[in-house]
Amino acid sequence: TPTLKGSKWRKSIYQNMGVINTNDQAQAAKKVLATYNFLDEKRV
């Protein structure tokens, strides 16, 4: 995504669209669900 975190952050998606960005979202979701007990893992 075009956030202000350097070229490597933005351009790591090259030839990886749908793969690296999806993996980031899923791994972050897993971490969030594991961190915050008030989130229902069965209603995501």
All heavy atoms as atom14 arrays in JSON, in Angstrom:
{
  "sequence": "TPTLKGSKWRKSIYQNMGVINTNDQAQAAKKVLATYNFLDEKRV",
  "atom14_mask": [
    [1, 1, 1, 1, 1, 1, 1, 0, 0, 0, 0, 0, 0, 0],
    [1, 1, 1, 1, 1, 1, 1, 0, 0, 0, 0, 0, 0, 0],
    [1, 1, 1, 1, 1, 1, 1, 0, 0, 0, 0, 0, 0, 0],
    [1, 1, 1, 1, 1, 1, 1, 1, 0, 0, 0, 0, 0, 0],
    [1, 1, 1, 1, 1, 1, 1, 1, 1, 0, 0, 0, 0, 0],
    [1, 1, 1, 1, 0, 0, 0, 0, 0, 0, 0, 0, 0, 0],
    [1, 1, 1, 1, 1, 1, 0, 0, 0, 0, 0, 0, 0, 0],
    [1, 1, 1, 1, 1, 1, 1, 1, 1, 0, 0, 0, 0, 0],
    [1, 1, 1, 1, 1, 1, 1, 1, 1, 1, 1, 1, 1, 1],
    [1, 1, 1, 1, 1, 1, 1, 1, 1, 1, 1, 0, 0, 0],
    [1, 1, 1, 1, 1, 1, 1, 1, 1, 0, 0, 0, 0, 0],
    [1, 1, 1, 1, 1, 1, 0, 0, 0, 0, 0, 0, 0, 0],
    [1, 1, 1, 1, 1, 1, 1, 1, 0, 0, 0, 0, 0, 0],
    [1, 1, 1, 1, 1, 1, 1, 1, 1, 1, 1, 1, 0, 0],
    [1, 1, 1, 1, 1, 1, 1, 1, 1, 0, 0, 0, 0, 0],
    [1, 1, 1, 1, 1, 1, 1, 1, 0, 0, 0, 0, 0, 0],
    [1, 1, 1, 1, 1, 1, 1, 1, 0, 0, 0, 0, 0, 0],
    [1, 1, 1, 1, 0, 0, 0, 0, 0, 0, 0, 0, 0, 0],
    [1, 1, 1, 1, 1, 1, 1, 0, 0, 0, 0, 0, 0, 0],
    [1, 1, 1, 1, 1, 1, 1, 1, 0, 0, 0, 0, 0, 0],
    [1, 1, 1, 1, 1, 1, 1, 1, 0, 0, 0, 0, 0, 0],
    [1, 1, 1, 1, 1, 1, 1, 0, 0, 0, 0, 0, 0, 0],
    [1, 1, 1, 1, 1, 1, 1, 1, 0, 0, 0, 0, 0, 0],
    [1, 1, 1, 1, 1, 1, 1, 1, 0, 0, 0, 0, 0, 0],
    [1, 1, 1, 1, 1, 1, 1, 1, 1, 0, 0, 0, 0, 0],
    [1, 1, 1, 1, 1, 0, 0, 0, 0, 0, 0, 0, 0, 0],
    [1, 1, 1, 1, 1, 1, 1, 1, 1, 0, 0, 0, 0, 0],
    [1, 1, 1, 1, 1, 0, 0, 0, 0, 0, 0, 0, 0, 0],
    [1, 1, 1, 1, 1, 0, 0, 0, 0, 0, 0, 0, 0, 0],
    [1, 1, 1, 1, 1, 1, 1, 1, 1, 0, 0, 0, 0, 0],
    [1, 1, 1, 1, 1, 1, 1, 1, 1, 0, 0, 0, 0, 0],
    [1, 1, 1, 1, 1, 1, 1, 0, 0, 0, 0, 0, 0, 0],
    [1, 1, 1, 1, 1, 1, 1, 1, 0, 0, 0, 0, 0, 0],
    [1, 1, 1, 1, 1, 0, 0, 0, 0, 0, 0, 0, 0, 0],
    [1, 1, 1, 1, 1, 1, 1, 0, 0, 0, 0, 0, 0, 0],
    [1, 1, 1, 1, 1, 1, 1, 1, 1, 1, 1, 1, 0, 0],
    [1, 1, 1, 1, 1, 1, 1, 1, 0, 0, 0, 0, 0, 0],
    [1, 1, 1, 1, 1, 1, 1, 1, 1, 1, 1, 0, 0, 0],
    [1, 1, 1, 1, 1, 1, 1, 1, 0, 0, 0, 0, 0, 0],
    [1, 1, 1, 1, 1, 1, 1, 1, 0, 0, 0, 0, 0, 0],
    [1, 1, 1, 1, 1, 1, 1, 1, 1, 0, 0, 0, 0, 0],
    [1, 1, 1, 1, 1, 1, 1, 1, 1, 0, 0, 0, 0, 0],
    [1, 1, 1, 1, 1, 1, 1, 1, 1, 1, 1, 0, 0, 0],
    [1, 1, 1, 1, 1, 1, 1, 0, 0, 0, 0, 0, 0, 0]
  ],
  "atom14_positions": [
    [[0.85, -1.19, 0.0], [0.0, 0.0, 0.0], [0.89, 1.25, 0.0], [2.04, 1.2, 0.45], [-0.92, 0.02, 1.23], [-0.13, -0.14, 2.42], [-1.94, -1.12, 1.15], [0.0, 0.0, 0.0], [0.0, 0.0, 0.0], [0.0, 0.0, 0.0], [0.0, 0.0, 0.0], [0.0, 0.0, 0.0], [0.0, 0.0, 0.0], [0.0, 0.0, 0.0]],
    [[0.38, 2.38, -0.49], [1.22, 3.58, -0.64], [1.38, 4.37, 0.65], [1.16, 5.58, 0.7], [0.46, 4.39, -1.7], [-0.97, 4.01, -1.5], [-0.96, 2.56, -1.11], [0.0, 0.0, 0.0], [0.0, 0.0, 0.0], [0.0, 0.0, 0.0], [0.0, 0.0, 0.0], [0.0, 0.0, 0.0], [0.0, 0.0, 0.0], [0.0, 0.0, 0.0]],
    [[1.77, 3.69, 1.71], [2.05, 4.36, 2.97], [3.49, 4.87, 2.97], [4.33, 4.4, 2.19], [1.83, 3.42, 4.16], [2.57, 2.21, 3.93], [0.37, 3.06, 4.31], [0.0, 0.0, 0.0], [0.0, 0.0, 0.0], [0.0, 0.0, 0.0], [0.0, 0.0, 0.0], [0.0, 0.0, 0.0], [0.0, 0.0, 0.0], [0.0, 0.0, 0.0]],
    [[3.77, 5.82, 3.84], [5.08, 6.48, 3.83], [6.07, 5.7, 4.69], [6.55, 6.17, 5.72], [4.94, 7.92, 4.33], [3.94, 8.79, 3.56], [3.95, 10.22, 4.09], [4.2, 8.77, 2.06], [0.0, 0.0, 0.0], [0.0, 0.0, 0.0], [0.0, 0.0, 0.0], [0.0, 0.0, 0.0], [0.0, 0.0, 0.0], [0.0, 0.0, 0.0]],
    [[6.42, 4.5, 4.21], [7.32, 3.62, 4.95], [8.51, 3.15, 4.1], [9.11, 2.12, 4.4], [6.55, 2.41, 5.48], [5.53, 2.76, 6.55], [4.92, 1.49, 7.14], [4.02, 1.82, 8.32], [3.47, 0.59, 8.95], [0.0, 0.0, 0.0], [0.0, 0.0, 0.0], [0.0, 0.0, 0.0], [0.0, 0.0, 0.0], [0.0, 0.0, 0.0]],
    [[8.82, 3.89, 3.07], [9.97, 3.53, 2.25], [9.6, 2.71, 1.04], [8.55, 2.07, 0.97], [0.0, 0.0, 0.0], [0.0, 0.0, 0.0], [0.0, 0.0, 0.0], [0.0, 0.0, 0.0], [0.0, 0.0, 0.0], [0.0, 0.0, 0.0], [0.0, 0.0, 0.0], [0.0, 0.0, 0.0], [0.0, 0.0, 0.0], [0.0, 0.0, 0.0]],
    [[10.5, 2.74, 0.06], [10.26, 2.07, -1.21], [10.13, 0.56, -1.05], [9.3, -0.08, -1.7], [11.39, 2.39, -2.18], [11.16, 1.79, -3.44], [0.0, 0.0, 0.0], [0.0, 0.0, 0.0], [0.0, 0.0, 0.0], [0.0, 0.0, 0.0], [0.0, 0.0, 0.0], [0.0, 0.0, 0.0], [0.0, 0.0, 0.0], [0.0, 0.0, 0.0]],
    [[10.94, -0.03, -0.18], [10.9, -1.49, -0.01], [9.52, -1.93, 0.46], [9.0, -2.96, 0.02], [11.97, -1.93, 0.98], [12.06, -3.43, 1.16], [13.17, -3.81, 2.13], [13.25, -5.32, 2.32], [14.32, -5.71, 3.28], [0.0, 0.0, 0.0], [0.0, 0.0, 0.0], [0.0, 0.0, 0.0], [0.0, 0.0, 0.0], [0.0, 0.0, 0.0]],
    [[8.93, -1.18, 1.37], [7.58, -1.5, 1.87], [6.58, -1.52, 0.72], [5.81, -2.46, 0.56], [7.16, -0.48, 2.92], [5.73, -0.62, 3.36], [4.62, -0.12, 2.73], [5.26, -1.33, 4.5], [3.48, -0.46, 3.42], [3.85, -1.21, 4.51], [5.87, -2.05, 5.52], [3.06, -1.78, 5.49], [5.08, -2.61, 6.51], [3.7, -2.49, 6.49]],
    [[6.59, -0.47, -0.09], [5.59, -0.33, -1.14], [5.83, -1.3, -2.29], [4.88, -1.85, -2.86], [5.58, 1.11, -1.66], [5.04, 2.13, -0.67], [4.99, 3.52, -1.26], [6.32, 4.06, -1.49], [7.04, 4.72, -0.59], [6.56, 4.9, 0.63], [8.24, 5.19, -0.89], [0.0, 0.0, 0.0], [0.0, 0.0, 0.0], [0.0, 0.0, 0.0]],
    [[7.08, -1.52, -2.64], [7.36, -2.25, -3.88], [7.65, -3.74, -3.67], [7.91, -4.46, -4.63], [8.49, -1.56, -4.63], [8.08, -0.15, -5.07], [8.96, 0.47, -6.1], [8.36, 1.77, -6.6], [9.16, 2.41, -7.66], [0.0, 0.0, 0.0], [0.0, 0.0, 0.0], [0.0, 0.0, 0.0], [0.0, 0.0, 0.0], [0.0, 0.0, 0.0]],
    [[7.55, -4.18, -2.43], [7.67, -5.61, -2.18], [6.52, -6.39, -2.8], [6.59, -7.61, -2.97], [7.72, -5.88, -0.67], [6.54, -5.4, -0.04], [0.0, 0.0, 0.0], [0.0, 0.0, 0.0], [0.0, 0.0, 0.0], [0.0, 0.0, 0.0], [0.0, 0.0, 0.0], [0.0, 0.0, 0.0], [0.0, 0.0, 0.0], [0.0, 0.0, 0.0]],
    [[5.47, -5.7, -3.17], [4.31, -6.35, -3.77], [4.53, -6.68, -5.24], [3.71, -7.38, -5.86], [3.05, -5.45, -3.62], [1.77, -6.28, -3.74], [3.07, -4.3, -4.63], [0.51, -5.5, -3.43], [0.0, 0.0, 0.0], [0.0, 0.0, 0.0], [0.0, 0.0, 0.0], [0.0, 0.0, 0.0], [0.0, 0.0, 0.0], [0.0, 0.0, 0.0]],
    [[5.63, -6.21, -5.82], [5.86, -6.42, -7.26], [5.85, -7.93, -7.58], [6.58, -8.72, -6.98], [7.18, -5.81, -7.7], [7.41, -5.91, -9.19], [6.6, -5.21, -10.09], [8.42, -6.71, -9.72], [6.78, -5.3, -11.45], [8.63, -6.8, -11.09], [7.8, -6.1, -11.95], [7.98, -6.21, -13.31], [0.0, 0.0, 0.0], [0.0, 0.0, 0.0]],
    [[5.02, -8.32, -8.53], [4.79, -9.7, -8.94], [4.3, -10.58, -7.79], [4.37, -11.8, -7.87], [6.05, -10.3, -9.58], [6.4, -9.66, -10.91], [7.41, -10.45, -11.71], [8.37, -10.99, -11.17], [7.2, -10.56, -13.01], [0.0, 0.0, 0.0], [0.0, 0.0, 0.0], [0.0, 0.0, 0.0], [0.0, 0.0, 0.0], [0.0, 0.0, 0.0]],
    [[3.81, -9.94, -6.73], [3.28, -10.66, -5.58], [1.9, -10.17, -5.18], [1.44, -10.45, -4.07], [4.23, -10.52, -4.38], [5.42, -11.44, -4.47], [5.26, -12.66, -4.49], [6.6, -10.88, -4.54], [0.0, 0.0, 0.0], [0.0, 0.0, 0.0], [0.0, 0.0, 0.0], [0.0, 0.0, 0.0], [0.0, 0.0, 0.0], [0.0, 0.0, 0.0]],
    [[1.24, -9.4, -6.07], [-0.08, -8.89, -5.73], [-1.06, -10.04, -5.56], [-1.13, -10.94, -6.4], [-0.58, -7.93, -6.81], [-1.87, -7.21, -6.42], [-2.48, -6.12, -7.72], [-1.2, -4.88, -7.76], [0.0, 0.0, 0.0], [0.0, 0.0, 0.0], [0.0, 0.0, 0.0], [0.0, 0.0, 0.0], [0.0, 0.0, 0.0], [0.0, 0.0, 0.0]],
    [[-1.77, -10.03, -4.47], [-2.67, -11.12, -4.15], [-2.04, -12.17, -3.28], [-2.73, -13.04, -2.73], [0.0, 0.0, 0.0], [0.0, 0.0, 0.0], [0.0, 0.0, 0.0], [0.0, 0.0, 0.0], [0.0, 0.0, 0.0], [0.0, 0.0, 0.0], [0.0, 0.0, 0.0], [0.0, 0.0, 0.0], [0.0, 0.0, 0.0], [0.0, 0.0, 0.0]],
    [[-0.72, -12.12, -3.13], [0.0, -13.1, -2.33], [0.57, -12.46, -1.08], [0.12, -12.73, 0.03], [1.13, -13.77, -3.16], [1.87, -14.79, -2.3], [0.56, -14.43, -4.4], [0.0, 0.0, 0.0], [0.0, 0.0, 0.0], [0.0, 0.0, 0.0], [0.0, 0.0, 0.0], [0.0, 0.0, 0.0], [0.0, 0.0, 0.0], [0.0, 0.0, 0.0]],
    [[1.54, -11.55, -1.25], [2.21, -10.96, -0.09], [1.27, -10.05, 0.7], [1.28, -10.07, 1.94], [3.48, -10.2, -0.53], [4.31, -9.83, 0.7], [3.15, -8.97, -1.36], [5.66, -9.22, 0.33], [0.0, 0.0, 0.0], [0.0, 0.0, 0.0], [0.0, 0.0, 0.0], [0.0, 0.0, 0.0], [0.0, 0.0, 0.0], [0.0, 0.0, 0.0]],
    [[0.43, -9.29, 0.0], [-0.49, -8.4, 0.7], [-1.58, -9.18, 1.44], [-1.96, -8.84, 2.56], [-1.1, -7.38, -0.26], [-1.73, -8.0, -1.49], [-1.37, -9.08, -1.92], [-2.68, -7.3, -2.09], [0.0, 0.0, 0.0], [0.0, 0.0, 0.0], [0.0, 0.0, 0.0], [0.0, 0.0, 0.0], [0.0, 0.0, 0.0], [0.0, 0.0, 0.0]],
    [[-2.05, -10.26, 0.82], [-3.05, -11.1, 1.47], [-2.47, -11.79, 2.7], [-3.12, -11.87, 3.75], [-3.58, -12.16, 0.48], [-4.03, -11.5, -0.71], [-4.72, -12.95, 1.08], [0.0, 0.0, 0.0], [0.0, 0.0, 0.0], [0.0, 0.0, 0.0], [0.0, 0.0, 0.0], [0.0, 0.0, 0.0], [0.0, 0.0, 0.0], [0.0, 0.0, 0.0]],
    [[-1.24, -12.26, 2.56], [-0.59, -12.92, 3.69], [-0.39, -11.96, 4.86], [-0.6, -12.32, 6.02], [0.74, -13.52, 3.25], [1.42, -14.29, 4.36], [2.32, -13.8, 5.03], [0.98, -15.52, 4.57], [0.0, 0.0, 0.0], [0.0, 0.0, 0.0], [0.0, 0.0, 0.0], [0.0, 0.0, 0.0], [0.0, 0.0, 0.0], [0.0, 0.0, 0.0]],
    [[0.03, -10.73, 4.54], [0.19, -9.72, 5.6], [-1.11, -9.52, 6.35], [-1.14, -9.46, 7.59], [0.65, -8.4, 5.01], [2.15, -8.35, 4.73], [2.84, -9.35, 5.02], [2.62, -7.31, 4.23], [0.0, 0.0, 0.0], [0.0, 0.0, 0.0], [0.0, 0.0, 0.0], [0.0, 0.0, 0.0], [0.0, 0.0, 0.0], [0.0, 0.0, 0.0]],
    [[-2.21, -9.36, 5.61], [-3.5, -9.13, 6.26], [-3.91, -10.31, 7.13], [-4.36, -10.13, 8.27], [-4.57, -8.87, 5.19], [-4.56, -7.48, 4.59], [-5.1, -6.42, 5.53], [-5.91, -6.69, 6.41], [-4.66, -5.18, 5.34], [0.0, 0.0, 0.0], [0.0, 0.0, 0.0], [0.0, 0.0, 0.0], [0.0, 0.0, 0.0], [0.0, 0.0, 0.0]],
    [[-3.75, -11.52, 6.61], [-4.17, -12.7, 7.35], [-3.33, -12.9, 8.6], [-3.85, -13.21, 9.68], [-4.11, -13.93, 6.46], [0.0, 0.0, 0.0], [0.0, 0.0, 0.0], [0.0, 0.0, 0.0], [0.0, 0.0, 0.0], [0.0, 0.0, 0.0], [0.0, 0.0, 0.0], [0.0, 0.0, 0.0], [0.0, 0.0, 0.0], [0.0, 0.0, 0.0]],
    [[-2.0, -12.73, 8.46], [-1.13, -12.91, 9.62], [-1.41, -11.83, 10.68], [-1.38, -12.11, 11.89], [0.34, -12.86, 9.18], [0.75, -13.99, 8.25], [0.45, -15.37, 8.81], [0.61, -15.63, 10.0], [0.0, -16.26, 7.94], [0.0, 0.0, 0.0], [0.0, 0.0, 0.0], [0.0, 0.0, 0.0], [0.0, 0.0, 0.0], [0.0, 0.0, 0.0]],
    [[-1.67, -10.62, 10.23], [-2.0, -9.55, 11.18], [-3.33, -9.83, 11.86], [-3.49, -9.58, 13.07], [-2.05, -8.2, 10.45], [0.0, 0.0, 0.0], [0.0, 0.0, 0.0], [0.0, 0.0, 0.0], [0.0, 0.0, 0.0], [0.0, 0.0, 0.0], [0.0, 0.0, 0.0], [0.0, 0.0, 0.0], [0.0, 0.0, 0.0], [0.0, 0.0, 0.0]],
    [[-4.3, -10.35, 11.12], [-5.59, -10.7, 11.72], [-5.42, -11.77, 12.79], [-6.02, -11.7, 13.87], [-6.56, -11.16, 10.64], [0.0, 0.0, 0.0], [0.0, 0.0, 0.0], [0.0, 0.0, 0.0], [0.0, 0.0, 0.0], [0.0, 0.0, 0.0], [0.0, 0.0, 0.0], [0.0, 0.0, 0.0], [0.0, 0.0, 0.0], [0.0, 0.0, 0.0]],
    [[-4.61, -12.78, 12.49], [-4.35, -13.83, 13.48], [-3.75, -13.24, 14.75], [-4.13, -13.61, 15.87], [-3.41, -14.88, 12.9], [-4.02, -15.76, 11.82], [-2.97, -16.76, 11.31], [-3.52, -17.64, 10.2], [-2.48, -18.58, 9.69], [0.0, 0.0, 0.0], [0.0, 0.0, 0.0], [0.0, 0.0, 0.0], [0.0, 0.0, 0.0], [0.0, 0.0, 0.0]],
    [[-2.79, -12.32, 14.58], [-2.13, -11.72, 15.73], [-3.12, -10.88, 16.55], [-3.12, -10.94, 17.79], [-0.97, -10.85, 15.26], [-0.12, -10.28, 16.39], [0.58, -11.37, 17.17], [1.52, -10.79, 18.22], [2.71, -10.16, 17.62], [0.0, 0.0, 0.0], [0.0, 0.0, 0.0], [0.0, 0.0, 0.0], [0.0, 0.0, 0.0], [0.0, 0.0, 0.0]],
    [[-3.95, -10.14, 15.86], [-4.94, -9.31, 16.54], [-5.92, -10.18, 17.32], [-6.26, -9.9, 18.47], [-5.69, -8.41, 15.53], [-6.9, -7.75, 16.17], [-4.75, -7.35, 14.96], [0.0, 0.0, 0.0], [0.0, 0.0, 0.0], [0.0, 0.0, 0.0], [0.0, 0.0, 0.0], [0.0, 0.0, 0.0], [0.0, 0.0, 0.0], [0.0, 0.0, 0.0]],
    [[-6.38, -11.26, 16.7], [-7.34, -12.15, 17.35], [-6.72, -12.82, 18.58], [-7.41, -13.05, 19.58], [-7.82, -13.22, 16.36], [-8.7, -12.71, 15.21], [-8.87, -13.78, 14.15], [-10.07, -12.26, 15.73], [0.0, 0.0, 0.0], [0.0, 0.0, 0.0], [0.0, 0.0, 0.0], [0.0, 0.0, 0.0], [0.0, 0.0, 0.0], [0.0, 0.0, 0.0]],
    [[-5.44, -13.12, 18.49], [-4.76, -13.75, 19.62], [-4.45, -12.76, 20.73], [-4.31, -13.14, 21.9], [-3.47, -14.42, 19.14], [0.0, 0.0, 0.0], [0.0, 0.0, 0.0], [0.0, 0.0, 0.0], [0.0, 0.0, 0.0], [0.0, 0.0, 0.0], [0.0, 0.0, 0.0], [0.0, 0.0, 0.0], [0.0, 0.0, 0.0], [0.0, 0.0, 0.0]],
    [[-4.35, -11.49, 20.39], [-3.95, -10.46, 21.36], [-5.14, -9.91, 22.14], [-5.04, -9.68, 23.35], [-3.23, -9.3, 20.63], [-2.09, -9.82, 19.95], [-2.79, -8.23, 21.63], [0.0, 0.0, 0.0], [0.0, 0.0, 0.0], [0.0, 0.0, 0.0], [0.0, 0.0, 0.0], [0.0, 0.0, 0.0], [0.0, 0.0, 0.0], [0.0, 0.0, 0.0]],
    [[-6.25, -9.7, 21.45], [-7.4, -9.05, 22.08], [-8.48, -10.09, 22.37], [-9.17, -10.57, 21.46], [-7.94, -7.94, 21.18], [-6.92, -6.84, 20.92], [-6.32, -6.69, 19.68], [-6.56, -5.97, 21.94], [-5.38, -5.69, 19.45], [-5.63, -4.96, 21.73], [-5.04, -4.84, 20.48], [-4.11, -3.85, 20.27], [0.0, 0.0, 0.0], [0.0, 0.0, 0.0]],
    [[-8.65, -10.41, 23.64], [-9.59, -11.45, 24.04], [-11.04, -11.07, 23.79], [-11.91, -11.94, 23.78], [-9.39, -11.78, 25.52], [-8.06, -12.45, 25.79], [-7.54, -13.16, 24.93], [-7.5, -12.22, 26.97], [0.0, 0.0, 0.0], [0.0, 0.0, 0.0], [0.0, 0.0, 0.0], [0.0, 0.0, 0.0], [0.0, 0.0, 0.0], [0.0, 0.0, 0.0]],
    [[-11.31, -9.78, 23.58], [-12.69, -9.36, 23.36], [-13.15, -9.62, 21.92], [-14.31, -9.42, 21.58], [-12.89, -7.89, 23.72], [-11.95, -6.94, 23.02], [-12.18, -6.52, 21.72], [-10.83, -6.45, 23.69], [-11.34, -5.63, 21.09], [-9.97, -5.56, 23.06], [-10.21, -5.15, 21.75], [0.0, 0.0, 0.0], [0.0, 0.0, 0.0], [0.0, 0.0, 0.0]],
    [[-12.25, -10.09, 21.05], [-12.62, -10.43, 19.67], [-13.02, -11.9, 19.59], [-12.3, -12.77, 20.07], [-11.46, -10.14, 18.72], [-11.0, -8.69, 18.64], [-9.81, -8.56, 17.7], [-12.13, -7.76, 18.21], [0.0, 0.0, 0.0], [0.0, 0.0, 0.0], [0.0, 0.0, 0.0], [0.0, 0.0, 0.0], [0.0, 0.0, 0.0], [0.0, 0.0, 0.0]],
    [[-14.15, -12.15, 18.96], [-14.69, -13.5, 18.84], [-14.08, -14.17, 17.61], [-14.39, -13.81, 16.48], [-16.21, -13.43, 18.73], [-16.87, -14.8, 18.83], [-16.17, -15.82, 18.67], [-18.09, -14.85, 19.08], [0.0, 0.0, 0.0], [0.0, 0.0, 0.0], [0.0, 0.0, 0.0], [0.0, 0.0, 0.0], [0.0, 0.0, 0.0], [0.0, 0.0, 0.0]],
    [[-13.25, -15.18, 17.81], [-12.58, -15.86, 16.71], [-13.55, -16.64, 15.83], [-13.19, -17.05, 14.73], [-11.51, -16.81, 17.25], [-10.35, -16.09, 17.94], [-9.27, -17.06, 18.4], [-9.5, -18.29, 18.3], [-8.22, -16.59, 18.86], [0.0, 0.0, 0.0], [0.0, 0.0, 0.0], [0.0, 0.0, 0.0], [0.0, 0.0, 0.0], [0.0, 0.0, 0.0]],
    [[-14.77, -16.84, 16.31], [-15.76, -17.55, 15.51], [-16.66, -16.6, 14.73], [-17.54, -17.05, 13.99], [-16.62, -18.43, 16.44], [-15.83, -19.54, 17.12], [-16.73, -20.39, 18.0], [-15.93, -21.5, 18.69], [-16.8, -22.33, 19.56], [0.0, 0.0, 0.0], [0.0, 0.0, 0.0], [0.0, 0.0, 0.0], [0.0, 0.0, 0.0], [0.0, 0.0, 0.0]],
    [[-16.44, -15.3, 14.9], [-17.22, -14.3, 14.15], [-16.26, -13.26, 13.57], [-16.22, -12.11, 14.0], [-18.26, -13.65, 15.07], [-19.38, -14.6, 15.5], [-20.49, -13.85, 16.21], [-20.07, -13.33, 17.51], [-20.8, -12.51, 18.26], [-21.99, -12.09, 17.82], [-20.34, -12.09, 19.43], [0.0, 0.0, 0.0], [0.0, 0.0, 0.0], [0.0, 0.0, 0.0]],
    [[-15.5, -13.72, 12.59], [-14.51, -12.86, 11.94], [-15.01, -12.54, 10.53], [-15.22, -13.44, 9.71], [-13.13, -13.53, 11.87], [-12.12, -12.62, 11.18], [-12.66, -13.9, 13.28], [0.0, 0.0, 0.0], [0.0, 0.0, 0.0], [0.0, 0.0, 0.0], [0.0, 0.0, 0.0], [0.0, 0.0, 0.0], [0.0, 0.0, 0.0], [0.0, 0.0, 0.0]]
  ]
}
